[in-house]
Every structure is written in structure tokens, then in C-alpha cells.
Amino acid sequence: MKSRAINACMIVGLSVVLSSPLAFSQPGTGRRSGGMGRGNATRMYDPATVQTLTGEVTSVDTIAGRGWMAGGVHVVVKSDTVSMDVHLGPAWYLGTQEVKVRKGDHITVTGSRIIFEGKPALVASGLEKGDSTLKLRDKNGYPLWAQRRK
């Protein structure tokens, strides 16, 4: 009788361990779901709050990813009137682009103004650096790195 109880406990425990990754992967990973697969910044993107900010990049930071989410690149852009955190996109995607953003660069960034961790920020849809343009999102805020290839 004791071995049946131990076997039952092992089966239940193994089921919990094996099903845990499934539980974490459930919140929408596709475009239609609108869930976590699109990332927090995408869900916060609002085309009605799009604005443009021009200034100098005072810092470039790669924020470590959590769990299955990739790390993101954030920059701080200082204009004549404001200094604002700008969420660009995943580090892996930005690393594949020709336009590189570095501290001291003068850029013009367009994006949706949001409140992130109690402070104003921009979720970038694109930026210009000199004569170069980097497009990051479509007009609805959907990230180009997440669009399916045709």
C-alpha cells in the first residue's frame, strides 16, 4: 500500500513539473491573441498618443530579459525641454539592423507616449539618425520583428 502512495505522489509531482512550462507559455504567443507574446510595450502602444522627440542620446541600456522574454534596448533622449526613456525593441533585433544607436548620437524618435513605472516614456515606432531611418513598428504599434515572413 505504501508503494502505491509513493508512486501516486511521484506521478502527480512529475505531472506538475512537466506541465509548468505549458502554463507559462499559455498567455498569447501569437498576433491574434494580444497576449504576453507581443510584449508589454506592444500592449501599451497607443496610436492616439504618438509624438516625436528630437535630442541627444544620453544613455543606452540593455534590460535583461525575464523568462522567455528577450532583453530590450532602452535609451534616454534629452531634448531642450525633457529627458525621456525610449523603449526601442529586443537587443537581438536591433543587433541585426544597420542603424546603431550610441550614447552621444543626435536622433529623432517617433513613438507612443506611455507611463512606464510611474514616468513618461516612449515606445518607439521608428527613429532617424542622420540620413538613416530605422523602422521598428507598424502604424498600429505591432513590432516588425514579430511579423510573420511571407
C-alpha atoms as a PDB file:
ATOM      1  CA  MET A   1       0.000   0.000   0.000  1.00  0.00           C
ATOM      2  CA  LYS A   2       2.876   2.339   0.857  1.00  0.00           C
ATOM      3  CA  SER A   3       4.500   1.883  -2.569  1.00  0.00           C
ATOM      4  CA  ARG A   4       1.212   2.800  -4.343  1.00  0.00           C
ATOM      5  CA  ALA A   5       1.040   6.047  -2.365  1.00  0.00           C
ATOM      6  CA  ILE A   6       4.661   6.840  -3.227  1.00  0.00           C
ATOM      7  CA  ASN A   7       4.047   6.028  -6.906  1.00  0.00           C
ATOM      8  CA  ALA A   8       0.919   8.219  -6.947  1.00  0.00           C
ATOM      9  CA  CYS A   9       2.871  11.113  -5.378  1.00  0.00           C
ATOM     10  CA  MET A  10       5.655  10.701  -7.928  1.00  0.00           C
ATOM     11  CA  ILE A  11       3.185  10.728 -10.826  1.00  0.00           C
ATOM     12  CA  VAL A  12       1.425  13.849  -9.523  1.00  0.00           C
ATOM     13  CA  GLY A  13       4.754  15.579  -8.878  1.00  0.00           C
ATOM     14  CA  LEU A  14       6.089  14.679 -12.304  1.00  0.00           C
ATOM     15  CA  SER A  15       2.864  15.910 -13.935  1.00  0.00           C
ATOM     16  CA  VAL A  16       3.170  19.266 -12.171  1.00  0.00           C
ATOM     17  CA  VAL A  17       6.812  19.670 -13.185  1.00  0.00           C
ATOM     18  CA  LEU A  18       6.177  18.720 -16.805  1.00  0.00           C
ATOM     19  CA  SER A  19       3.086  20.906 -17.179  1.00  0.00           C
ATOM     20  CA  SER A  20       4.655  24.047 -15.639  1.00  0.00           C
ATOM     21  CA  PRO A  21       6.283  25.242 -18.884  1.00  0.00           C
ATOM     22  CA  LEU A  22       2.913  24.860 -20.614  1.00  0.00           C
ATOM     23  CA  ALA A  23       1.244  27.057 -18.026  1.00  0.00           C
ATOM     24  CA  PHE A  24       3.792  29.828 -18.559  1.00  0.00           C
ATOM     25  CA  SER A  25       3.555  29.596 -22.339  1.00  0.00           C
ATOM     26  CA  GLN A  26      -0.218  29.950 -22.494  1.00  0.00           C
ATOM     27  CA  PRO A  27      -0.707  33.730 -22.374  1.00  0.00           C
ATOM     28  CA  GLY A  28      -0.948  34.534 -26.081  1.00  0.00           C
ATOM     29  CA  THR A  29       2.107  33.940 -28.126  1.00  0.00           C
ATOM     30  CA  GLY A  30       0.550  34.841 -31.443  1.00  0.00           C
ATOM     31  CA  ARG A  31      -0.536  38.027 -33.146  1.00  0.00           C
ATOM     32  CA  ARG A  32      -4.253  37.363 -32.751  1.00  0.00           C
ATOM     33  CA  SER A  33      -4.073  36.661 -29.039  1.00  0.00           C
ATOM     34  CA  GLY A  34      -2.861  40.105 -27.992  1.00  0.00           C
ATOM     35  CA  GLY A  35      -1.202  38.431 -25.004  1.00  0.00           C
ATOM     36  CA  MET A  36       2.234  38.461 -23.474  1.00  0.00           C
ATOM     37  CA  GLY A  37       3.817  37.122 -26.664  1.00  0.00           C
ATOM     38  CA  ARG A  38       3.540  40.636 -28.034  1.00  0.00           C
ATOM     39  CA  GLY A  39       5.352  42.087 -25.034  1.00  0.00           C
ATOM     40  CA  ASN A  40       4.238  44.670 -22.513  1.00  0.00           C
ATOM     41  CA  ALA A  41       5.381  47.600 -24.619  1.00  0.00           C
ATOM     42  CA  THR A  42       3.221  46.470 -27.538  1.00  0.00           C
ATOM     43  CA  ARG A  43       0.122  46.249 -25.382  1.00  0.00           C
ATOM     44  CA  MET A  44       0.826  49.763 -24.110  1.00  0.00           C
ATOM     45  CA  TYR A  45       1.325  51.223 -27.597  1.00  0.00           C
ATOM     46  CA  ASP A  46      -1.500  53.614 -28.439  1.00  0.00           C
ATOM     47  CA  PRO A  47      -1.533  55.171 -31.924  1.00  0.00           C
ATOM     48  CA  ALA A  48      -3.530  58.088 -30.473  1.00  0.00           C
ATOM     49  CA  THR A  49      -0.566  59.161 -28.303  1.00  0.00           C
ATOM     50  CA  VAL A  50       2.140  59.168 -30.988  1.00  0.00           C
ATOM     51  CA  GLN A  51       4.630  62.016 -30.742  1.00  0.00           C
ATOM     52  CA  THR A  52       8.118  62.866 -31.935  1.00  0.00           C
ATOM     53  CA  LEU A  53      11.135  63.658 -29.771  1.00  0.00           C
ATOM     54  CA  THR A  54      14.443  65.050 -31.024  1.00  0.00           C
ATOM     55  CA  GLY A  55      17.545  65.146 -28.892  1.00  0.00           C
ATOM     56  CA  GLU A  56      20.781  63.584 -27.755  1.00  0.00           C
ATOM     57  CA  VAL A  57      21.062  60.001 -26.546  1.00  0.00           C
ATOM     58  CA  THR A  58      22.417  60.268 -23.000  1.00  0.00           C
ATOM     59  CA  SER A  59      22.394  56.538 -22.236  1.00  0.00           C
ATOM     60  CA  VAL A  60      21.860  53.189 -23.914  1.00  0.00           C
ATOM     61  CA  ASP A  61      20.886  50.237 -21.739  1.00  0.00           C
ATOM     62  CA  THR A  62      20.047  46.637 -22.472  1.00  0.00           C
ATOM     63  CA  ILE A  63      17.476  45.482 -19.960  1.00  0.00           C
ATOM     64  CA  ALA A  64      17.832  41.797 -19.118  1.00  0.00           C
ATOM     65  CA  GLY A  65      15.016  39.562 -20.294  1.00  0.00           C
ATOM     66  CA  ARG A  66      12.837  37.627 -17.908  1.00  0.00           C
ATOM     67  CA  GLY A  67      11.917  34.026 -18.516  1.00  0.00           C
ATOM     68  CA  TRP A  68      11.142  33.602 -22.201  1.00  0.00           C
ATOM     69  CA  MET A  69      11.120  37.338 -22.946  1.00  0.00           C
ATOM     70  CA  ALA A  70      14.154  38.725 -24.755  1.00  0.00           C
ATOM     71  CA  GLY A  71      16.178  41.587 -23.308  1.00  0.00           C
ATOM     72  CA  GLY A  72      15.225  45.024 -24.576  1.00  0.00           C
ATOM     73  CA  VAL A  73      17.185  48.115 -25.541  1.00  0.00           C
ATOM     74  CA  HIS A  74      16.173  51.364 -23.877  1.00  0.00           C
ATOM     75  CA  VAL A  75      17.725  54.751 -24.489  1.00  0.00           C
ATOM     76  CA  VAL A  76      17.337  58.073 -22.748  1.00  0.00           C
ATOM     77  CA  VAL A  77      16.870  61.003 -25.128  1.00  0.00           C
ATOM     78  CA  LYS A  78      17.412  64.528 -23.842  1.00  0.00           C
ATOM     79  CA  SER A  79      15.796  67.354 -25.775  1.00  0.00           C
ATOM     80  CA  ASP A  80      15.847  71.065 -24.937  1.00  0.00           C
ATOM     81  CA  THR A  81      12.840  70.588 -22.628  1.00  0.00           C
ATOM     82  CA  VAL A  82      12.698  66.973 -21.452  1.00  0.00           C
ATOM     83  CA  SER A  83      14.712  63.818 -20.836  1.00  0.00           C
ATOM     84  CA  MET A  84      12.715  60.691 -21.668  1.00  0.00           C
ATOM     85  CA  ASP A  85      13.176  56.924 -21.582  1.00  0.00           C
ATOM     86  CA  VAL A  86      12.581  55.385 -25.015  1.00  0.00           C
ATOM     87  CA  HIS A  87      11.833  51.667 -25.444  1.00  0.00           C
ATOM     88  CA  LEU A  88      13.308  50.579 -28.792  1.00  0.00           C
ATOM     89  CA  GLY A  89      12.945  46.795 -29.006  1.00  0.00           C
ATOM     90  CA  PRO A  90      14.714  43.489 -28.402  1.00  0.00           C
ATOM     91  CA  ALA A  91      18.504  43.553 -28.352  1.00  0.00           C
ATOM     92  CA  TRP A  92      18.705  40.623 -30.790  1.00  0.00           C
ATOM     93  CA  TYR A  93      16.616  42.522 -33.357  1.00  0.00           C
ATOM     94  CA  LEU A  94      18.440  45.830 -33.001  1.00  0.00           C
ATOM     95  CA  GLY A  95      21.729  43.972 -33.370  1.00  0.00           C
ATOM     96  CA  THR A  96      20.679  42.872 -36.864  1.00  0.00           C
ATOM     97  CA  GLN A  97      19.895  46.406 -38.078  1.00  0.00           C
ATOM     98  CA  GLU A  98      22.255  48.720 -39.947  1.00  0.00           C
ATOM     99  CA  VAL A  99      21.336  51.760 -37.829  1.00  0.00           C
ATOM    100  CA  LYS A 100      23.094  51.592 -34.454  1.00  0.00           C
ATOM    101  CA  VAL A 101      22.184  53.939 -31.606  1.00  0.00           C
ATOM    102  CA  ARG A 102      25.000  55.033 -29.301  1.00  0.00           C
ATOM    103  CA  LYS A 103      25.448  57.463 -26.458  1.00  0.00           C
ATOM    104  CA  GLY A 104      26.006  60.968 -27.833  1.00  0.00           C
ATOM    105  CA  ASP A 105      24.020  60.357 -31.049  1.00  0.00           C
ATOM    106  CA  HIS A 106      21.525  63.001 -32.109  1.00  0.00           C
ATOM    107  CA  ILE A 107      18.266  61.245 -33.070  1.00  0.00           C
ATOM    108  CA  THR A 108      14.628  61.932 -33.817  1.00  0.00           C
ATOM    109  CA  VAL A 109      12.390  59.211 -32.445  1.00  0.00           C
ATOM    110  CA  THR A 110       8.677  58.724 -33.033  1.00  0.00           C
ATOM    111  CA  GLY A 111       6.558  56.609 -30.734  1.00  0.00           C
ATOM    112  CA  SER A 112       3.606  56.237 -28.436  1.00  0.00           C
ATOM    113  CA  ARG A 113       3.840  58.202 -25.197  1.00  0.00           C
ATOM    114  CA  ILE A 114       3.089  55.967 -22.213  1.00  0.00           C
ATOM    115  CA  ILE A 115       3.527  55.960 -18.460  1.00  0.00           C
ATOM    116  CA  PHE A 116       6.008  53.244 -17.521  1.00  0.00           C
ATOM    117  CA  GLU A 117       6.838  52.594 -13.866  1.00  0.00           C
ATOM    118  CA  GLY A 118       5.281  55.955 -12.986  1.00  0.00           C
ATOM    119  CA  LYS A 119       7.271  58.022 -15.504  1.00  0.00           C
ATOM    120  CA  PRO A 120       6.598  59.220 -19.051  1.00  0.00           C
ATOM    121  CA  ALA A 121       8.277  57.136 -21.755  1.00  0.00           C
ATOM    122  CA  LEU A 122       8.040  56.447 -25.471  1.00  0.00           C
ATOM    123  CA  VAL A 123       7.518  53.076 -27.130  1.00  0.00           C
ATOM    124  CA  ALA A 124       9.413  53.750 -30.347  1.00  0.00           C
ATOM    125  CA  SER A 125       7.912  53.025 -33.732  1.00  0.00           C
ATOM    126  CA  GLY A 126      10.902  54.385 -35.591  1.00  0.00           C
ATOM    127  CA  LEU A 127      13.863  56.707 -35.441  1.00  0.00           C
ATOM    128  CA  GLU A 128      16.080  58.801 -37.651  1.00  0.00           C
ATOM    129  CA  LYS A 129      19.794  59.200 -37.174  1.00  0.00           C
ATOM    130  CA  GLY A 130      21.440  61.452 -39.736  1.00  0.00           C
ATOM    131  CA  ASP A 131      20.275  60.248 -43.138  1.00  0.00           C
ATOM    132  CA  SER A 132      19.379  56.773 -41.825  1.00  0.00           C
ATOM    133  CA  THR A 133      15.944  55.562 -40.742  1.00  0.00           C
ATOM    134  CA  LEU A 134      15.139  52.615 -38.504  1.00  0.00           C
ATOM    135  CA  LYS A 135      11.540  51.390 -38.574  1.00  0.00           C
ATOM    136  CA  LEU A 136      10.542  49.343 -35.536  1.00  0.00           C
ATOM    137  CA  ARG A 137       6.739  49.071 -35.564  1.00  0.00           C
ATOM    138  CA  ASP A 138       3.843  49.413 -37.958  1.00  0.00           C
ATOM    139  CA  LYS A 139       1.260  52.215 -37.638  1.00  0.00           C
ATOM    140  CA  ASN A 140      -0.719  50.196 -35.068  1.00  0.00           C
ATOM    141  CA  GLY A 141       2.331  49.545 -32.914  1.00  0.00           C
ATOM    142  CA  TYR A 142       2.841  45.933 -33.904  1.00  0.00           C
ATOM    143  CA  PRO A 143       6.598  45.151 -33.807  1.00  0.00           C
ATOM    144  CA  LEU A 144       8.253  44.418 -37.136  1.00  0.00           C
ATOM    145  CA  TRP A 145      10.415  41.736 -35.514  1.00  0.00           C
ATOM    146  CA  ALA A 146       7.303  39.750 -34.658  1.00  0.00           C
ATOM    147  CA  GLN A 147       5.598  39.857 -38.046  1.00  0.00           C
ATOM    148  CA  ARG A 148       5.418  36.634 -39.969  1.00  0.00           C
ATOM    149  CA  ARG A 149       7.580  36.315 -43.032  1.00  0.00           C
ATOM    150  CA  LYS A 150       5.671  35.922 -46.252  1.00  0.00           C
END
